Amino acid sequence: TVSVLYWATSAMLRRSCAWRWGEAPRTYPFPKPFNRTPYDEDRHKVARRSQFTERQAAPEWMTKGSDGFGTGVGLHRAHPLSPLEGNVQPAERRDGQNVSLIFRATTSGFRHPSGSRLYFRGGKVPQPNSHPYLTGEPCPVYGWRILDHDVVRKFEAPVQDKEKVTYKPYVAQHEARLYEDRSGDAPQLPAGDGAGGAPPPAKPKAPGGKQPKDKPLLKRLFFWQ
């Protein structure tokens, strides 16, 4: 009997706690975000939905944002729990009575009884707040005659710095020519035998002679400086 009484009192004490059977699992110190709502993610497919289909009062941060200034992130309009509507209006509010004149002109233009469209014929959508400046008048000879030259905007062509250019043409060919004969603009070098100082100046080869397969190192890399 003592054990039965102990079990009953412990069950009563446990019942007096805040948790209920069938609750979604909790993470301290908050319950899950959509606890006891139809949008609860942690309920099983076969759980009895009739217990928690009542609409719970949504917390204020869902509508008004997470801070008191309205800058915090709340629920998006397209979220099913948001009291706000999406940006798609019903069809009875999209007729000509509810769509503004400027919006209709910018998207569709006006059709004249003659069949032409007056403000916008399709293609690039006009921006009414940024209009082109009037520079002149129509001319029967050239099509358009500019009267106000100060209104026409001048755009400078982009100039690339000669020092910062990445590719200098003909550098490789010039270096190759420089190594072949140094007698052009350089001071006259003493003729050496290749052992000590400067290399000997290159002599023109006979047309019938065979070119050696292995070029000297100076001829092979002329990109290195």
Protein backbone atom coordinates (compact mmCIF):
# COMPACT_ATOMS: atom_id res chain seq x y z
CA THR A 1 0.00 0.00 0.00
CA VAL A 2 2.86 2.34 0.73
CA SER A 3 4.28 1.75 -2.72
CA VAL A 4 0.85 2.32 -4.32
CA LEU A 5 0.44 5.58 -2.38
CA TYR A 6 3.96 6.63 -3.39
CA TRP A 7 3.21 5.86 -7.05
CA ALA A 8 -0.09 7.79 -6.93
CA THR A 9 1.41 10.84 -5.27
CA SER A 10 4.36 10.86 -7.63
CA ALA A 11 1.97 10.57 -10.58
CA MET A 12 -0.09 13.47 -9.23
CA LEU A 13 3.02 15.54 -8.72
CA ARG A 14 4.18 14.69 -12.17
CA ARG A 15 0.75 15.60 -13.58
CA SER A 16 0.94 19.00 -11.93
CA CYS A 17 3.98 19.80 -14.09
CA ALA A 18 3.61 21.87 -17.25
CA TRP A 19 4.22 19.05 -19.72
CA ARG A 20 1.37 17.05 -21.24
CA TRP A 21 1.17 13.75 -23.04
CA GLY A 22 1.61 14.09 -26.77
CA GLU A 23 3.54 17.32 -26.56
CA ALA A 24 6.28 18.11 -29.02
CA PRO A 25 9.77 17.73 -27.53
CA ARG A 26 11.12 20.88 -25.94
CA THR A 27 14.47 22.57 -25.81
CA TYR A 28 15.20 24.45 -22.62
CA PRO A 29 13.91 27.03 -21.85
CA PHE A 30 11.53 27.46 -24.78
CA PRO A 31 8.96 25.18 -26.36
CA LYS A 32 9.22 24.42 -30.05
CA PRO A 33 8.23 27.35 -32.29
CA PHE A 34 4.85 26.09 -33.51
CA ASN A 35 3.90 24.03 -30.49
CA ARG A 36 0.22 22.96 -30.35
CA THR A 37 -0.56 24.54 -33.73
CA PRO A 38 -1.53 22.83 -36.98
CA TYR A 39 1.95 23.71 -38.30
CA ASP A 40 3.80 21.71 -35.65
CA GLU A 41 6.64 19.82 -37.31
CA ASP A 42 7.26 17.26 -34.59
CA ARG A 43 3.90 15.53 -34.53
CA HIS A 44 3.51 12.16 -36.16
CA LYS A 45 1.42 11.55 -39.26
CA VAL A 46 -1.17 9.52 -37.32
CA ALA A 47 -1.39 11.87 -34.33
CA ARG A 48 -4.89 13.00 -33.43
CA ARG A 49 -5.01 16.48 -34.94
CA SER A 50 -8.37 17.34 -33.39
CA GLN A 51 -6.71 18.11 -30.05
CA PHE A 52 -4.61 21.03 -31.22
CA THR A 53 -6.42 22.48 -34.23
CA GLU A 54 -7.52 25.47 -32.15
CA ARG A 55 -5.79 28.60 -33.32
CA GLN A 56 -3.22 29.74 -30.80
CA ALA A 57 -2.57 33.43 -30.29
CA ALA A 58 0.59 34.20 -32.27
CA PRO A 59 3.30 36.03 -30.32
CA GLU A 60 3.77 39.67 -31.17
CA TRP A 61 7.22 39.31 -32.70
CA MET A 62 5.74 37.35 -35.60
CA THR A 63 3.86 40.42 -36.77
CA LYS A 64 5.79 43.37 -35.33
CA GLY A 65 9.37 42.07 -35.48
CA SER A 66 11.75 40.90 -32.80
CA ASP A 67 12.52 44.32 -31.29
CA GLY A 68 10.42 47.28 -30.29
CA PHE A 69 11.54 49.48 -33.19
CA GLY A 70 10.08 47.45 -36.04
CA THR A 71 13.48 46.76 -37.62
CA GLY A 72 13.72 43.16 -36.41
CA VAL A 73 12.78 40.28 -38.66
CA GLY A 74 9.21 39.06 -38.33
CA LEU A 75 7.32 36.56 -40.42
CA HIS A 76 7.26 37.06 -44.17
CA ARG A 77 3.95 37.91 -45.82
CA ALA A 78 3.90 34.63 -47.71
CA HIS A 79 4.26 32.54 -44.54
CA PRO A 80 1.03 30.65 -43.71
CA LEU A 81 1.03 31.98 -40.15
CA SER A 82 1.42 35.60 -41.19
CA PRO A 83 -1.71 37.75 -40.83
CA LEU A 84 -0.54 39.88 -43.76
CA GLU A 85 -1.44 39.02 -47.33
CA GLY A 86 0.86 38.18 -50.18
CA ASN A 87 1.54 40.64 -52.96
CA VAL A 88 -0.94 38.97 -55.34
CA GLN A 89 -4.30 40.68 -55.20
CA PRO A 90 -7.52 38.85 -56.06
CA ALA A 91 -8.74 39.12 -59.64
CA GLU A 92 -11.62 41.46 -58.83
CA ARG A 93 -9.10 44.03 -57.53
CA ARG A 94 -6.88 43.93 -60.63
CA ASP A 95 -9.38 45.58 -62.96
CA GLY A 96 -9.12 49.09 -64.38
CA GLN A 97 -10.85 50.62 -61.39
CA ASN A 98 -8.13 49.57 -58.93
CA VAL A 99 -4.99 49.79 -61.09
CA SER A 100 -3.57 53.30 -61.19
CA LEU A 101 -3.27 55.33 -64.38
CA ILE A 102 0.52 55.63 -64.17
CA PHE A 103 0.98 51.88 -63.68
CA ARG A 104 -1.24 51.08 -66.65
CA ALA A 105 0.59 53.60 -68.81
CA THR A 106 4.01 52.28 -67.81
CA THR A 107 3.16 48.63 -68.35
CA SER A 108 0.67 48.62 -71.24
CA GLY A 109 0.48 52.13 -72.68
CA PHE A 110 -2.71 53.60 -74.08
CA ARG A 111 -4.28 52.24 -77.25
CA HIS A 112 -5.61 54.86 -79.62
CA PRO A 113 -8.77 54.18 -81.69
CA SER A 114 -6.49 54.24 -84.74
CA GLY A 115 -4.76 51.11 -83.44
CA SER A 116 -1.43 52.59 -82.33
CA ARG A 117 -0.18 52.70 -78.77
CA LEU A 118 0.56 56.11 -77.39
CA TYR A 119 2.88 56.03 -74.39
CA PHE A 120 4.51 52.59 -74.45
CA ARG A 121 4.52 50.21 -77.41
CA GLY A 122 6.32 47.36 -75.69
CA GLY A 123 9.99 46.63 -75.22
CA LYS A 124 12.00 48.80 -72.87
CA VAL A 125 9.76 50.02 -70.06
CA PRO A 126 9.80 53.83 -69.78
CA GLN A 127 10.89 55.46 -66.55
CA PRO A 128 8.75 58.57 -66.16
CA ASN A 129 10.94 60.18 -63.50
CA SER A 130 14.13 60.12 -65.62
CA HIS A 131 13.41 61.69 -68.99
CA PRO A 132 15.88 62.60 -71.75
CA TYR A 133 16.77 66.25 -72.19
CA LEU A 134 15.51 68.03 -75.30
CA THR A 135 18.59 68.85 -77.35
CA GLY A 136 17.14 70.23 -80.56
CA GLU A 137 14.42 69.95 -83.19
CA PRO A 138 13.56 67.64 -86.09
CA CYS A 139 15.29 68.52 -89.32
CA PRO A 140 14.16 67.40 -92.82
CA VAL A 141 17.74 66.98 -94.03
CA TYR A 142 19.60 65.24 -91.20
CA GLY A 143 16.61 64.01 -89.22
CA TRP A 144 17.56 65.90 -86.07
CA ARG A 145 19.29 69.24 -85.58
CA ILE A 146 21.03 69.90 -82.27
CA LEU A 147 20.36 73.40 -80.98
CA ASP A 148 21.63 73.18 -77.40
CA HIS A 149 25.11 71.67 -77.44
CA ASP A 150 25.60 72.09 -73.70
CA VAL A 151 22.84 69.62 -72.92
CA VAL A 152 24.55 66.83 -74.85
CA ARG A 153 26.67 64.91 -72.42
CA LYS A 154 30.30 64.23 -73.29
CA PHE A 155 31.88 60.98 -72.14
CA GLU A 156 35.67 60.72 -72.23
CA ALA A 157 37.07 57.61 -73.80
CA PRO A 158 38.80 55.44 -71.20
CA VAL A 159 42.56 55.94 -71.22
CA GLN A 160 44.88 53.12 -70.26
CA ASP A 161 48.11 54.02 -68.52
CA LYS A 162 51.12 53.19 -70.67
CA GLU A 163 53.15 52.09 -67.64
CA LYS A 164 50.52 49.75 -66.27
CA VAL A 165 49.67 48.01 -69.51
CA THR A 166 50.02 44.27 -69.10
CA TYR A 167 51.03 43.30 -72.63
CA LYS A 168 53.71 45.23 -74.47
CA PRO A 169 53.77 44.05 -78.08
CA TYR A 170 56.94 42.92 -79.77
CA VAL A 171 58.97 42.86 -76.55
CA ALA A 172 60.07 39.29 -77.19
CA GLN A 173 61.11 39.97 -80.76
CA HIS A 174 63.03 43.06 -79.76
CA GLU A 175 64.86 41.21 -77.02
CA ALA A 176 65.75 38.47 -79.45
CA ARG A 177 67.12 41.04 -81.89
CA LEU A 178 68.96 42.70 -79.03
CA TYR A 179 70.75 39.49 -78.15
CA GLU A 180 71.58 38.72 -81.77
CA ASP A 181 73.47 41.92 -82.49
CA ARG A 182 74.47 44.21 -79.66
CA SER A 183 76.28 46.65 -81.91
CA GLY A 184 73.20 48.77 -82.70
CA ASP A 185 72.53 51.25 -79.92
CA ALA A 186 74.69 49.72 -77.17
CA PRO A 187 78.30 50.82 -76.78
CA GLN A 188 80.81 48.66 -78.61
CA LEU A 189 81.58 45.60 -76.53
CA PRO A 190 85.04 44.08 -76.55
CA ALA A 191 85.17 40.93 -78.59
CA GLY A 192 85.49 38.04 -76.19
CA ASP A 193 85.99 34.35 -76.69
CA GLY A 194 83.08 33.39 -74.47
CA ALA A 195 85.27 32.39 -71.55
CA GLY A 196 85.57 35.65 -69.61
CA GLY A 197 83.41 38.71 -70.19
CA ALA A 198 80.89 39.48 -72.91
CA PRO A 199 79.88 36.86 -75.44
CA PRO A 200 81.28 37.30 -78.95
CA PRO A 201 79.03 39.06 -81.47
CA ALA A 202 77.00 36.64 -83.52
CA LYS A 203 78.31 35.97 -87.01
CA PRO A 204 75.90 35.43 -89.90
CA LYS A 205 75.67 31.75 -90.72
CA ALA A 206 76.19 30.34 -94.16
CA PRO A 207 72.89 29.51 -95.90
CA GLY A 208 73.95 25.93 -96.53
CA GLY A 209 75.04 25.20 -92.96
CA LYS A 210 72.85 23.11 -90.63
CA GLN A 211 71.34 24.87 -87.62
CA PRO A 212 72.19 23.13 -84.33
CA LYS A 213 69.20 21.61 -82.53
CA ASP A 214 70.14 22.84 -79.05
CA LYS A 215 70.01 26.62 -78.87
CA PRO A 216 72.22 28.37 -76.31
CA LEU A 217 70.53 29.36 -73.07
CA LEU A 218 70.58 33.05 -73.91
CA LYS A 219 68.67 32.39 -77.13
CA ARG A 220 66.18 30.05 -75.50
CA LEU A 221 64.95 32.34 -72.74
CA PHE A 222 64.59 35.89 -73.80
CA PHE A 223 61.53 36.55 -71.63
CA TRP A 224 63.35 36.46 -68.31
CA GLN A 225 64.19 40.15 -67.97
